Each structure stands twice: as structure tokens, then as C-alpha cells.
Amino acid sequence: MSPVRRPVLQPMLAVAGDLPTDPDGWATEMKWDGIRALAYLTGEGTYFFSRNGRDISAGYPELASLARRIGVEGILDGEIVAFDDRGRPDFSLLQQRMHVTDRRRALLLAERVAVHYLIFDLLEVGGSSLLRQPYTARRRRLEALEPDDDHVAIPPAFHGHPADGMAASAELGLEGVVCKRLDSIYTPGRRSPAWRKVKHRRTEEVLVVGWEPGQGSRAGRIGALLLGVPDDGGVGYIGQVGSGFDDAELERLERLLGEREIPSPAVHGVPRAHARAARWVRPDLVAEIVVGGWSRDRRVRQASWRGLRPDKTPDDLRR
């Protein structure tokens, strides 16, 4: 049972697009390459929920005092991020914290890989909903909060030409930007053109549908993952990814895929050459890859692994 005694909201989502050409009417925020999380601040404590409504509070004990430190009850929208030694978001570091449900283990991991909660929206304060208020009003209320916490920050929003914000994100080594209309209301669970995400690198969210055994140094291990995306016929094959893994990630994938093995493919359109030696899995793991582009037959080109996205479900790929 959820510790929050009411339905948990789903975060508002951005559409992928281009930078607005007209700077008027938009604010630009950095894209932080973490996991989206809503924070419920209550008199009983702080509770974090993933994009799909899962309670992930136990995995991030260093954020548990947020409600007390801010001193108000409400709902925040933000991103949980891990930073590297240069102060840049590192998704591979964050992955070490993403699957932990035991609080004691999370405390030990926090000593090695600390996380931060970067807040970019305020949805409710003191029992009053701000969902129907425009971005500018919500932002003003958010910036009035003073989180006295080393693990929490309210990053600035840039006003001016979005291209300047995009250039700043490149200099900082960030993933890109999110441009938000100043008059946009907050629509939970909906992907709205009032918010646009623009990335420096092209990434895609995909389903892992199987794997091929490796050769040479990867003999007896995963050589490549077979990928798919939801389509009208169920799940359609889009190619494979065989680079971007380290040994720890391969071990974790071998365990997760072993738990999901099925006798026949739950994907259509796999070429015979890849299907011959493939091991099939239940297609419920969402992953993110970097792609160089797409072929005419809708196959990914020059794909590289970024990691699993346990904060997302296959249904998210259908939106």
C-alpha cells in the first residue's frame, strides 16, 4: 500500500522537437539525464515516486529529510541525478542506485555514489493545487522555497533565446534542454507540445526482446541484444546493439534476461540470420540506446547501449 493516501500523479511529459525559433513566451531548462521522480512532502516524511508510480523512496535515503528541510507540505517534480567527479550527470553511476529496494544497502551505496534531487516544478503547496496555474506562477512559487539540503537544488531557468540555453548545455556537458511555454499549465501523465525536449545526441527508448550469444572474448556471454518497439502488430524488430556494455552491466543483463527467457519470440520481423541463434525474452524491459540514424527498413544504425530504464514501462513507448 502506498504511504501517500491518495492517487499518485504521473509527471507531465515533453515532446521531442526542435528549438523554438521565437524566444518570446518560452523558458529553457537544462536536461539532466537522470530519472524523473515526483516528491510528496508530507507531515510523515518524504516519498518519491517514479514516472510509472512506483514508490522508490527506500532507494534514496539521502533525500529522506527533504520535507523537513523545506518545511512545507506539497508535491514537487524533478530529476534524481548522480554526478561524476567533474560535476556532470552520469547515468551509468545512477544505474548503481536504481534497482535498490533495501534501505540498508542503499545507505551503503550512498556513501560511494550519492544522488541529488534537482527540482523544476511545484505542483501543490500547503494543500493547494497549482496544476492549473501557468508555468511562470508555479516557477515563482518554486523559487521561493529554500531547500536547506546539500542533496537538493532548484536549477535556474533561462529566459532569452533557447539557442543560448542549448549552447550552455553543450558547454556543461549536459544532455540537452527542455523548452517550456511560459503560459503552460501542468497536465499530469500527458505528453504536451507546450514542453519540448531537444537533445545533442539522438537517443531512442526500446524494448529488449532477445539476445545473441557472443564470440571471442564474449564467448558464453551476451554478444548483442535484439531490440524492438511496440507497433500495430505487437512488437516489431528494429535491430540490435552490441557495444556500450561493461562487465558489470553484462552480468546484470544476463541475470535479468535469464529470469525472462521464453521459448519463442514475442517480436515479429526478425531476420532469419539473427533468429537462428537467438535466445528470446519477455519484452518488458525498457532500455535506452544512442543511435546514428535509421535505415529505410526501420533498423537502427550504429547503436550503442546507454542502459535500462526501470522508471519506464512498455506502455510509455506507445505514447
Protein backbone atom coordinates (compact mmCIF):
# COMPACT_ATOMS: atom_id res chain seq x y z
CA MET A 1 0.00 0.00 0.00
CA SER A 2 1.27 3.47 -0.89
CA PRO A 3 2.32 5.63 2.06
CA VAL A 4 0.59 8.53 0.28
CA ARG A 5 -3.12 8.21 0.99
CA ARG A 6 -4.39 9.36 -2.42
CA PRO A 7 -3.77 8.59 -6.09
CA VAL A 8 -0.21 9.41 -7.14
CA LEU A 9 0.13 11.81 -10.08
CA GLN A 10 2.05 10.96 -13.22
CA PRO A 11 4.52 13.59 -14.43
CA MET A 12 3.82 15.80 -17.41
CA LEU A 13 5.93 14.79 -20.42
CA ALA A 14 7.67 16.74 -23.17
CA VAL A 15 7.60 16.04 -26.89
CA ALA A 16 10.82 15.65 -28.86
CA GLY A 17 11.26 18.58 -31.20
CA ASP A 18 13.34 21.50 -32.38
CA LEU A 19 14.27 24.65 -30.52
CA PRO A 20 11.59 27.35 -30.69
CA THR A 21 12.59 29.94 -33.27
CA ASP A 22 10.76 32.71 -31.41
CA PRO A 23 12.31 33.23 -27.96
CA ASP A 24 9.29 35.09 -26.60
CA GLY A 25 6.99 33.01 -24.48
CA TRP A 26 9.48 30.26 -23.61
CA ALA A 27 11.76 29.34 -20.73
CA THR A 28 14.68 26.96 -21.21
CA GLU A 29 15.77 24.43 -18.60
CA MET A 30 18.70 22.01 -18.68
CA LYS A 31 18.03 18.32 -19.34
CA TRP A 32 19.77 16.41 -16.57
CA ASP A 33 20.00 12.78 -17.72
CA GLY A 34 18.60 11.22 -14.55
CA ILE A 35 15.32 9.58 -13.61
CA ARG A 36 12.11 11.52 -13.28
CA ALA A 37 10.57 11.49 -9.81
CA LEU A 38 7.69 13.22 -8.06
CA ALA A 39 8.39 14.05 -4.41
CA TYR A 40 5.47 14.05 -1.98
CA LEU A 41 6.30 16.15 1.07
CA THR A 42 4.06 15.19 3.99
CA GLY A 43 3.98 15.57 7.74
CA GLU A 44 5.07 11.93 7.93
CA GLY A 45 8.08 12.28 5.64
CA THR A 46 9.24 12.46 2.03
CA TYR A 47 8.09 9.92 -0.55
CA PHE A 48 9.47 9.61 -4.08
CA PHE A 49 7.55 8.03 -6.95
CA SER A 50 8.90 7.05 -10.35
CA ARG A 51 7.32 8.03 -13.62
CA ASN A 52 5.20 4.86 -13.57
CA GLY A 53 4.02 5.46 -10.00
CA ARG A 54 6.36 3.07 -8.18
CA ASP A 55 7.48 4.06 -4.67
CA ILE A 56 11.28 4.40 -4.90
CA SER A 57 11.82 6.21 -1.59
CA ALA A 58 13.81 3.40 0.06
CA GLY A 59 16.46 3.54 -2.65
CA TYR A 60 17.48 7.14 -1.95
CA PRO A 61 17.86 7.61 1.83
CA GLU A 62 19.98 10.75 1.47
CA LEU A 63 16.85 12.53 0.17
CA ALA A 64 14.57 11.40 3.01
CA SER A 65 14.76 14.65 5.00
CA LEU A 66 13.56 16.90 2.17
CA ALA A 67 10.08 17.54 3.62
CA ARG A 68 11.53 18.59 6.96
CA ARG A 69 14.21 20.78 5.41
CA ILE A 70 11.83 22.62 3.08
CA GLY A 71 9.26 23.00 5.83
CA VAL A 72 6.10 22.81 3.71
CA GLU A 73 3.81 20.03 2.54
CA GLY A 74 3.38 19.69 -1.20
CA ILE A 75 4.30 17.89 -4.42
CA LEU A 76 7.50 18.54 -6.38
CA ASP A 77 8.54 17.41 -9.85
CA GLY A 78 12.19 16.84 -10.56
CA GLU A 79 15.01 14.54 -11.54
CA ILE A 80 17.19 12.24 -9.43
CA VAL A 81 20.75 12.58 -10.73
CA ALA A 82 24.22 11.21 -9.93
CA PHE A 83 27.21 13.42 -10.72
CA ASP A 84 30.71 12.33 -11.70
CA ASP A 85 33.98 13.79 -10.40
CA ARG A 86 33.67 16.70 -12.85
CA GLY A 87 30.19 17.60 -11.64
CA ARG A 88 28.43 16.24 -14.73
CA PRO A 89 25.42 13.91 -14.68
CA ASP A 90 26.50 10.30 -15.11
CA PHE A 91 23.70 7.88 -15.95
CA SER A 92 25.95 4.83 -15.53
CA LEU A 93 26.66 5.88 -11.94
CA LEU A 94 22.97 6.40 -11.30
CA GLN A 95 22.25 2.88 -12.53
CA GLN A 96 24.09 1.54 -9.48
CA ARG A 97 21.35 3.08 -7.34
CA MET A 98 18.27 2.43 -9.48
CA HIS A 99 17.40 -1.16 -8.61
CA VAL A 100 17.88 -0.99 -4.85
CA THR A 101 14.87 -1.54 -2.60
CA ASP A 102 16.66 -2.45 0.63
CA ARG A 103 17.27 0.71 2.67
CA ARG A 104 20.38 -0.61 4.41
CA ARG A 105 22.02 -1.49 1.11
CA ALA A 106 21.01 1.92 -0.27
CA LEU A 107 22.74 3.62 2.68
CA LEU A 108 25.97 1.77 1.89
CA LEU A 109 25.73 2.64 -1.80
CA ALA A 110 25.05 6.29 -0.98
CA GLU A 111 28.50 6.52 0.60
CA ARG A 112 30.03 5.63 -2.77
CA VAL A 113 27.52 7.09 -5.25
CA ALA A 114 25.48 9.96 -3.86
CA VAL A 115 22.43 11.27 -5.68
CA HIS A 116 20.85 14.71 -5.88
CA TYR A 117 17.27 15.79 -6.48
CA LEU A 118 17.01 18.65 -8.97
CA ILE A 119 13.59 20.31 -8.71
CA PHE A 120 11.96 22.02 -11.69
CA ASP A 121 8.27 22.26 -10.82
CA LEU A 122 5.90 22.74 -7.89
CA LEU A 123 2.52 21.04 -8.30
CA GLU A 124 0.98 21.56 -4.89
CA VAL A 125 1.81 23.51 -1.75
CA GLY A 126 0.02 23.58 1.58
CA GLY A 127 -2.88 21.56 0.19
CA SER A 128 -3.49 23.95 -2.74
CA SER A 129 -3.09 22.57 -6.26
CA LEU A 130 -1.02 24.61 -8.71
CA LEU A 131 -1.71 22.40 -11.73
CA ARG A 132 -3.93 24.95 -13.47
CA GLN A 133 -1.58 27.85 -12.84
CA PRO A 134 0.80 28.87 -15.64
CA TYR A 135 4.45 27.88 -15.63
CA THR A 136 5.54 31.37 -14.57
CA ALA A 137 3.37 31.29 -11.44
CA ARG A 138 4.47 27.78 -10.48
CA ARG A 139 8.09 28.69 -11.07
CA ARG A 140 7.80 31.80 -8.91
CA ARG A 141 6.36 29.74 -6.04
CA LEU A 142 9.06 27.11 -6.52
CA GLU A 143 11.92 29.59 -6.40
CA ALA A 144 10.54 30.99 -3.13
CA LEU A 145 11.29 27.64 -1.47
CA GLU A 146 14.64 27.33 0.24
CA PRO A 147 15.68 23.68 0.47
CA ASP A 148 18.37 23.59 3.16
CA ASP A 149 19.82 20.35 1.83
CA ASP A 150 23.15 19.61 0.12
CA HIS A 151 21.47 16.92 -1.97
CA VAL A 152 18.72 19.16 -3.34
CA ALA A 153 18.80 22.13 -5.74
CA ILE A 154 16.48 24.24 -7.88
CA PRO A 155 18.43 24.75 -11.15
CA PRO A 156 17.85 28.08 -12.89
CA ALA A 157 15.53 28.52 -15.86
CA PHE A 158 16.89 30.62 -18.73
CA HIS A 159 14.89 33.38 -20.37
CA GLY A 160 16.07 34.55 -23.76
CA HIS A 161 16.80 32.69 -26.97
CA PRO A 162 16.61 28.91 -26.46
CA ALA A 163 19.69 28.51 -28.68
CA ASP A 164 21.74 30.21 -25.95
CA GLY A 165 20.48 27.69 -23.42
CA MET A 166 21.31 24.85 -25.82
CA ALA A 167 24.85 26.19 -26.22
CA ALA A 168 25.23 26.43 -22.44
CA SER A 169 24.09 22.83 -22.02
CA ALA A 170 26.73 21.70 -24.52
CA GLU A 171 29.45 23.58 -22.65
CA LEU A 172 28.34 21.95 -19.40
CA GLY A 173 28.35 18.51 -20.98
CA LEU A 174 24.62 18.03 -20.45
CA GLU A 175 22.13 16.00 -22.48
CA GLY A 176 20.21 18.94 -23.94
CA VAL A 177 17.39 21.25 -22.89
CA VAL A 178 13.66 21.31 -22.24
CA CYS A 179 11.86 24.40 -23.53
CA LYS A 180 8.61 25.24 -21.72
CA ARG A 181 5.95 27.72 -22.68
CA LEU A 182 5.54 30.39 -20.03
CA ASP A 183 1.76 30.02 -20.13
CA SER A 184 1.74 26.21 -19.94
CA ILE A 185 -0.38 24.56 -17.27
CA TYR A 186 0.70 21.22 -15.80
CA THR A 187 -1.09 18.25 -17.37
CA PRO A 188 -0.21 15.08 -15.41
CA GLY A 189 0.55 11.99 -17.47
CA ARG A 190 0.25 13.77 -20.81
CA ARG A 191 2.91 14.48 -23.42
CA SER A 192 2.37 18.12 -24.33
CA PRO A 193 3.79 20.28 -27.15
CA ALA A 194 3.94 23.08 -24.57
CA TRP A 195 7.14 21.36 -23.41
CA ARG A 196 9.82 20.47 -25.98
CA LYS A 197 12.90 18.36 -25.29
CA VAL A 198 15.90 18.89 -27.55
CA LYS A 199 18.97 16.64 -27.24
CA HIS A 200 22.52 16.93 -28.52
CA ARG A 201 22.66 13.19 -29.21
CA ARG A 202 19.85 11.15 -30.65
CA THR A 203 18.60 8.53 -28.24
CA GLU A 204 15.76 6.05 -28.52
CA GLU A 205 13.81 4.06 -25.96
CA VAL A 206 13.39 0.44 -27.00
CA LEU A 207 12.35 -2.99 -25.70
CA VAL A 208 14.82 -5.82 -25.20
CA VAL A 209 13.28 -8.82 -26.99
CA GLY A 210 16.18 -11.28 -27.01
CA TRP A 211 19.92 -11.74 -27.27
CA GLU A 212 22.57 -13.46 -29.36
CA PRO A 213 25.49 -15.38 -27.79
CA GLY A 214 28.86 -13.70 -28.13
CA GLN A 215 32.09 -14.90 -29.69
CA GLY A 216 35.77 -14.44 -28.89
CA SER A 217 36.18 -12.50 -25.64
CA ARG A 218 32.40 -12.63 -25.20
CA ALA A 219 32.05 -16.37 -25.74
CA GLY A 220 29.46 -17.77 -23.36
CA ARG A 221 28.08 -14.31 -22.67
CA ILE A 222 25.73 -11.84 -24.33
CA GLY A 223 27.09 -10.77 -27.69
CA ALA A 224 24.28 -8.46 -28.74
CA LEU A 225 20.80 -7.58 -27.58
CA LEU A 226 17.89 -7.82 -30.00
CA LEU A 227 15.58 -4.81 -29.87
CA GLY A 228 12.00 -3.94 -30.71
CA VAL A 229 9.37 -1.26 -30.35
CA PRO A 230 5.59 -1.51 -29.99
CA ASP A 231 3.66 -1.31 -33.26
CA ASP A 232 0.24 -2.23 -34.62
CA GLY A 233 1.25 -5.88 -34.83
CA GLY A 234 2.56 -6.14 -31.28
CA VAL A 235 6.33 -5.62 -31.08
CA GLY A 236 8.37 -5.03 -34.23
CA TYR A 237 12.08 -5.80 -34.59
CA ILE A 238 14.32 -2.76 -35.13
CA GLY A 239 17.85 -4.18 -34.89
CA GLN A 240 20.47 -4.99 -32.32
CA VAL A 241 23.04 -3.36 -30.07
CA GLY A 242 26.38 -4.93 -29.20
CA SER A 243 28.50 -2.06 -27.87
CA GLY A 244 28.49 0.16 -24.80
CA PHE A 245 28.42 -2.60 -22.16
CA ASP A 246 30.86 -3.10 -19.32
CA ASP A 247 31.32 -6.39 -17.45
CA ALA A 248 29.07 -5.38 -14.55
CA GLU A 249 26.27 -4.41 -16.93
CA LEU A 250 26.60 -7.68 -18.86
CA GLU A 251 26.34 -9.67 -15.62
CA ARG A 252 23.23 -7.77 -14.58
CA LEU A 253 21.64 -8.22 -18.01
CA GLU A 254 22.41 -11.95 -18.01
CA ARG A 255 20.58 -12.30 -14.71
CA LEU A 256 17.58 -10.19 -15.75
CA LEU A 257 17.23 -11.82 -19.16
CA GLY A 258 17.62 -15.30 -17.68
CA GLU A 259 14.61 -14.60 -15.49
CA ARG A 260 12.59 -13.60 -18.56
CA GLU A 261 13.52 -16.31 -21.05
CA ILE A 262 10.66 -17.64 -23.20
CA PRO A 263 10.66 -20.45 -25.80
CA SER A 264 9.51 -18.44 -28.82
CA PRO A 265 9.84 -14.82 -29.95
CA ALA A 266 7.38 -12.16 -28.81
CA VAL A 267 8.53 -9.97 -31.71
CA HIS A 268 7.93 -10.06 -35.46
CA GLY A 269 10.22 -9.18 -38.34
CA VAL A 270 13.49 -10.68 -37.06
CA PRO A 271 15.77 -11.67 -39.97
CA ARG A 272 16.50 -15.39 -40.14
CA ALA A 273 20.24 -14.81 -39.66
CA HIS A 274 19.62 -13.26 -36.25
CA ALA A 275 16.74 -15.52 -35.24
CA ARG A 276 18.75 -18.72 -35.78
CA ALA A 277 20.86 -18.48 -32.59
CA ALA A 278 18.72 -16.04 -30.66
CA ARG A 279 17.52 -16.54 -27.10
CA TRP A 280 14.12 -14.89 -26.60
CA VAL A 281 12.89 -12.97 -23.58
CA ARG A 282 9.65 -11.45 -22.38
CA PRO A 283 9.66 -7.89 -23.83
CA ASP A 284 9.05 -5.93 -20.62
CA LEU A 285 12.48 -4.32 -20.13
CA VAL A 286 12.75 -0.76 -21.46
CA ALA A 287 16.23 0.39 -22.46
CA GLU A 288 17.81 3.50 -23.92
CA ILE A 289 20.28 3.45 -26.81
CA VAL A 290 22.22 6.08 -28.74
CA VAL A 291 21.64 5.77 -32.48
CA GLY A 292 23.46 7.10 -35.50
CA GLY A 293 20.27 7.03 -37.54
CA TRP A 294 17.67 4.76 -39.11
CA SER A 295 17.79 2.70 -42.30
CA ARG A 296 14.98 2.73 -44.85
CA ASP A 297 13.63 -0.55 -43.49
CA ARG A 298 13.39 0.92 -39.96
CA ARG A 299 16.54 -0.61 -38.50
CA VAL A 300 18.72 1.32 -36.07
CA ARG A 301 22.20 2.21 -37.31
CA GLN A 302 25.37 2.47 -35.21
CA ALA A 303 23.53 1.75 -31.98
CA SER A 304 25.29 1.98 -28.62
CA TRP A 305 23.92 0.90 -25.24
CA ARG A 306 23.09 3.53 -22.62
CA GLY A 307 21.27 1.43 -20.06
CA LEU A 308 17.99 0.06 -18.79
CA ARG A 309 15.18 2.43 -17.85
CA PRO A 310 13.40 0.79 -14.90
CA ASP A 311 11.49 4.03 -14.42
CA LYS A 312 9.61 3.35 -17.67
CA THR A 313 7.26 0.65 -18.94
CA PRO A 314 6.45 -0.69 -22.43
CA ASP A 315 3.26 1.37 -22.36
CA ASP A 316 5.38 4.54 -22.21
CA LEU A 317 6.78 3.67 -25.65
CA ARG A 318 3.28 3.58 -27.14
CA ARG A 319 2.52 7.20 -26.27
